[in-house]
Protein backbone atom coordinates (compact mmCIF):
# COMPACT_ATOMS: atom_id res chain seq x y z
CA UNK A 1 -42.07 -28.79 -123.36
CA UNK A 2 -41.77 -24.94 -123.83
CA UNK A 3 -44.51 -22.17 -124.32
CA UNK A 4 -42.87 -21.05 -127.84
CA UNK A 5 -43.04 -25.14 -129.06
CA UNK A 6 -46.55 -24.80 -127.79
CA UNK A 7 -47.56 -21.72 -129.09
CA UNK A 8 -46.57 -23.10 -132.66
CA UNK A 9 -47.82 -26.25 -132.58
CA UNK A 10 -51.48 -24.15 -131.34
CA UNK A 11 -49.92 -22.21 -134.86
CA UNK A 12 -49.51 -25.38 -136.27
CA UNK A 13 -52.42 -27.79 -135.21
CA UNK A 14 -54.54 -24.91 -136.70
CA UNK A 15 -52.96 -23.88 -139.85
CA UNK A 16 -54.72 -28.12 -140.58
CA UNK A 17 -57.74 -26.98 -139.03
CA UNK A 18 -58.45 -24.12 -141.20
CA UNK A 19 -57.52 -25.29 -144.38
CA UNK A 20 -60.45 -27.81 -143.59
CA UNK A 21 -62.56 -25.21 -143.03
CA UNK A 22 -65.04 -23.76 -146.73
CA UNK A 23 -63.82 -20.53 -145.88
CA UNK A 24 -60.34 -21.28 -146.17
CA UNK A 25 -60.16 -24.62 -148.00
CA UNK A 26 -58.74 -22.31 -150.79
CA UNK A 27 -56.16 -20.40 -148.68
CA UNK A 28 -52.36 -20.61 -149.29
CA UNK A 29 -50.64 -22.24 -145.85
CA UNK A 30 -48.68 -19.08 -145.19
CA UNK A 31 -51.39 -16.99 -145.41
CA UNK A 32 -53.68 -19.67 -143.10
CA UNK A 33 -51.02 -19.15 -141.08
CA UNK A 34 -51.21 -15.26 -140.40
CA UNK A 35 -54.71 -16.17 -139.44
CA UNK A 36 -53.93 -19.02 -137.40
CA UNK A 37 -51.05 -16.84 -135.40
CA UNK A 38 -53.43 -14.28 -134.26
CA UNK A 39 -55.95 -16.99 -133.59
CA UNK A 40 -57.72 -17.45 -129.78
CA UNK A 41 -58.86 -21.05 -128.80
CA UNK A 42 -62.51 -20.28 -126.90
CA UNK A 43 -64.54 -22.45 -125.07
CA UNK A 44 -68.13 -22.18 -124.83
CA UNK A 45 -70.41 -24.44 -122.89
CA UNK A 46 -73.84 -26.05 -123.60
CA UNK A 47 -77.01 -23.36 -124.08
CA UNK A 48 -73.99 -20.48 -122.88
CA UNK A 49 -74.38 -17.05 -125.70
CA UNK A 50 -70.91 -16.13 -127.26
CA UNK A 51 -72.19 -12.84 -129.25
CA UNK A 52 -75.36 -10.70 -128.03
CA UNK A 53 -76.96 -9.08 -130.68
CA UNK A 54 -76.94 -5.58 -130.43
CA UNK A 55 -73.77 -5.86 -128.47
CA UNK A 56 -70.50 -3.96 -130.10
CA UNK A 57 -68.60 -6.89 -132.29
CA UNK A 58 -65.25 -7.26 -132.05
CA UNK A 59 -63.64 -10.71 -133.28
CA UNK A 60 -65.90 -13.63 -135.90
CA UNK A 61 -65.58 -17.22 -134.69
CA UNK A 62 -64.46 -20.12 -136.49
CA UNK A 63 -65.95 -23.29 -135.44
CA UNK A 64 -63.50 -26.10 -133.88
CA UNK A 65 -65.78 -28.27 -132.51
CA UNK A 66 -69.89 -28.19 -131.16
CA UNK A 67 -73.22 -26.44 -133.22
CA UNK A 68 -74.31 -22.82 -132.88
CA UNK A 69 -77.49 -21.26 -132.81
CA UNK A 70 -77.76 -18.48 -134.47
CA UNK A 71 -81.00 -16.37 -133.58
CA UNK A 72 -82.97 -12.66 -133.82
CA UNK A 73 -85.76 -10.54 -132.07
CA UNK A 74 -88.51 -9.80 -133.40
CA UNK A 75 -90.27 -6.33 -132.69
CA UNK A 76 -92.17 -7.91 -130.59
CA UNK A 77 -89.11 -9.32 -128.22
CA UNK A 78 -89.56 -13.02 -129.84
CA UNK A 79 -86.62 -14.94 -131.12
CA UNK A 80 -86.68 -16.61 -134.63
CA UNK A 81 -84.17 -18.97 -135.26
CA UNK A 82 -82.11 -18.30 -138.30
CA UNK A 83 -79.30 -20.75 -138.17
CA UNK A 84 -78.04 -23.74 -137.02
CA UNK A 85 -73.39 -24.02 -137.49
CA UNK A 86 -71.44 -26.26 -136.71
CA UNK A 87 -67.98 -27.67 -136.82
CA UNK A 88 -65.44 -25.40 -139.48
CA UNK A 89 -69.07 -22.50 -140.13
CA UNK A 90 -68.05 -19.30 -138.82
CA UNK A 91 -70.53 -16.01 -137.27
CA UNK A 92 -69.85 -12.82 -136.35
CA UNK A 93 -68.20 -11.81 -139.81
CA UNK A 94 -70.49 -8.88 -140.51
CA UNK A 95 -68.29 -6.69 -137.33
CA UNK A 96 -65.25 -7.18 -140.21
CA UNK A 97 -66.58 -4.22 -142.77
CA UNK A 98 -69.34 -2.24 -140.65
CA UNK A 99 -68.95 -0.04 -137.52
CA UNK A 100 -72.59 -1.37 -136.50
CA UNK A 101 -73.87 -3.96 -133.08
CA UNK A 102 -74.17 -7.51 -133.61
CA UNK A 103 -77.27 -7.96 -136.20
CA UNK A 104 -78.13 -11.39 -133.79
CA UNK A 105 -77.20 -13.59 -131.40
CA UNK A 106 -75.20 -17.00 -131.15
CA UNK A 107 -75.64 -19.81 -128.15
CA UNK A 108 -73.89 -22.44 -128.00
CA UNK A 109 -76.16 -25.97 -128.63
CA UNK A 110 -73.22 -27.95 -127.29
CA UNK A 111 -70.08 -27.46 -125.55
CA UNK A 112 -68.82 -25.49 -128.39
CA UNK A 113 -64.76 -25.01 -128.56
CA UNK A 114 -63.73 -22.06 -131.16
CA UNK A 115 -60.99 -19.84 -132.76
CA UNK A 116 -62.02 -16.06 -132.08
CA UNK A 117 -60.50 -13.57 -133.88
CA UNK A 118 -60.32 -10.14 -133.62
CA UNK A 119 -61.41 -7.92 -136.02
CA UNK A 120 -58.58 -5.58 -135.69
CA UNK A 121 -56.08 -8.29 -135.76
CA UNK A 122 -57.89 -9.64 -139.04
CA UNK A 123 -58.06 -6.36 -140.80
CA UNK A 124 -54.41 -6.28 -140.82
CA UNK A 125 -53.42 -9.79 -141.88
CA UNK A 126 -56.50 -8.64 -144.73
CA UNK A 127 -54.45 -5.78 -145.83
CA UNK A 128 -50.98 -8.26 -146.21
CA UNK A 129 -53.57 -11.51 -147.95
CA UNK A 130 -56.19 -10.14 -150.09
CA UNK A 131 -56.88 -13.87 -151.29
CA UNK A 132 -58.79 -13.63 -147.53
CA UNK A 133 -61.14 -11.39 -147.92
CA UNK A 134 -62.14 -12.64 -151.29
CA UNK A 135 -62.94 -16.48 -149.25
CA UNK A 136 -64.75 -13.78 -146.96
CA UNK A 137 -67.06 -12.31 -149.28
CA UNK A 138 -67.86 -15.25 -151.06
CA UNK A 139 -69.30 -16.99 -146.90
CA UNK A 140 -71.15 -13.25 -147.54
CA UNK A 141 -72.75 -14.03 -151.14
CA UNK A 142 -73.96 -17.41 -150.01
CA UNK A 143 -75.68 -16.70 -146.92
CA UNK A 144 -77.21 -13.49 -148.67
CA UNK A 145 -78.44 -16.40 -151.26
CA UNK A 146 -79.69 -18.26 -148.82
CA UNK A 147 -81.82 -15.21 -147.02
CA UNK A 148 -83.26 -13.62 -150.38
CA UNK A 149 -84.49 -17.30 -151.18
CA UNK A 150 -86.00 -17.71 -147.10
CA UNK A 151 -87.78 -14.16 -147.91
CA UNK A 152 -88.58 -14.67 -150.85
CA UNK A 153 -90.08 -18.32 -150.08
CA UNK A 154 -92.12 -16.73 -147.20
CA UNK A 155 -93.33 -14.06 -149.70
CA UNK A 156 -94.92 -16.59 -152.00
CA UNK A 157 -97.24 -18.63 -148.99
CA UNK A 158 -98.20 -14.71 -147.69
CA UNK A 159 -99.39 -14.09 -151.27
CA UNK A 160 -100.77 -17.39 -152.38
CA UNK A 161 -103.31 -16.88 -149.35
């Protein structure tokens, strides 16, 4: 098979996958093709660190296969599990909107296949296709609401004592 044919097949496969994710289910195929064409498929083995807290972020990840644990260090250097993500979910997207370091680490719970999308490439696509940015913002809001609810429940336990 020619290299270009193989690349076209991989892009098509990724368009189909992206359309099934909650993040991109409302995005048009033309726009998904633009995202799929900049995505790089990467594999991480069980226990492998995908991103490290406080490192410079340069990409967003979408899980094609497997599960990922998101953790954060406390001031006492203990690790807190923030989330467990599975197929179709993304992480690392905060790096798209600021120049801050990673706020948490991500580890492969199982062998994982992911799409890695470089920040600069995705920003170029978002400028051309702003509806994709709206979908990303929906994910941010959903995660922020979840974090607020978690903080609220922790606070109510403290006040109940």
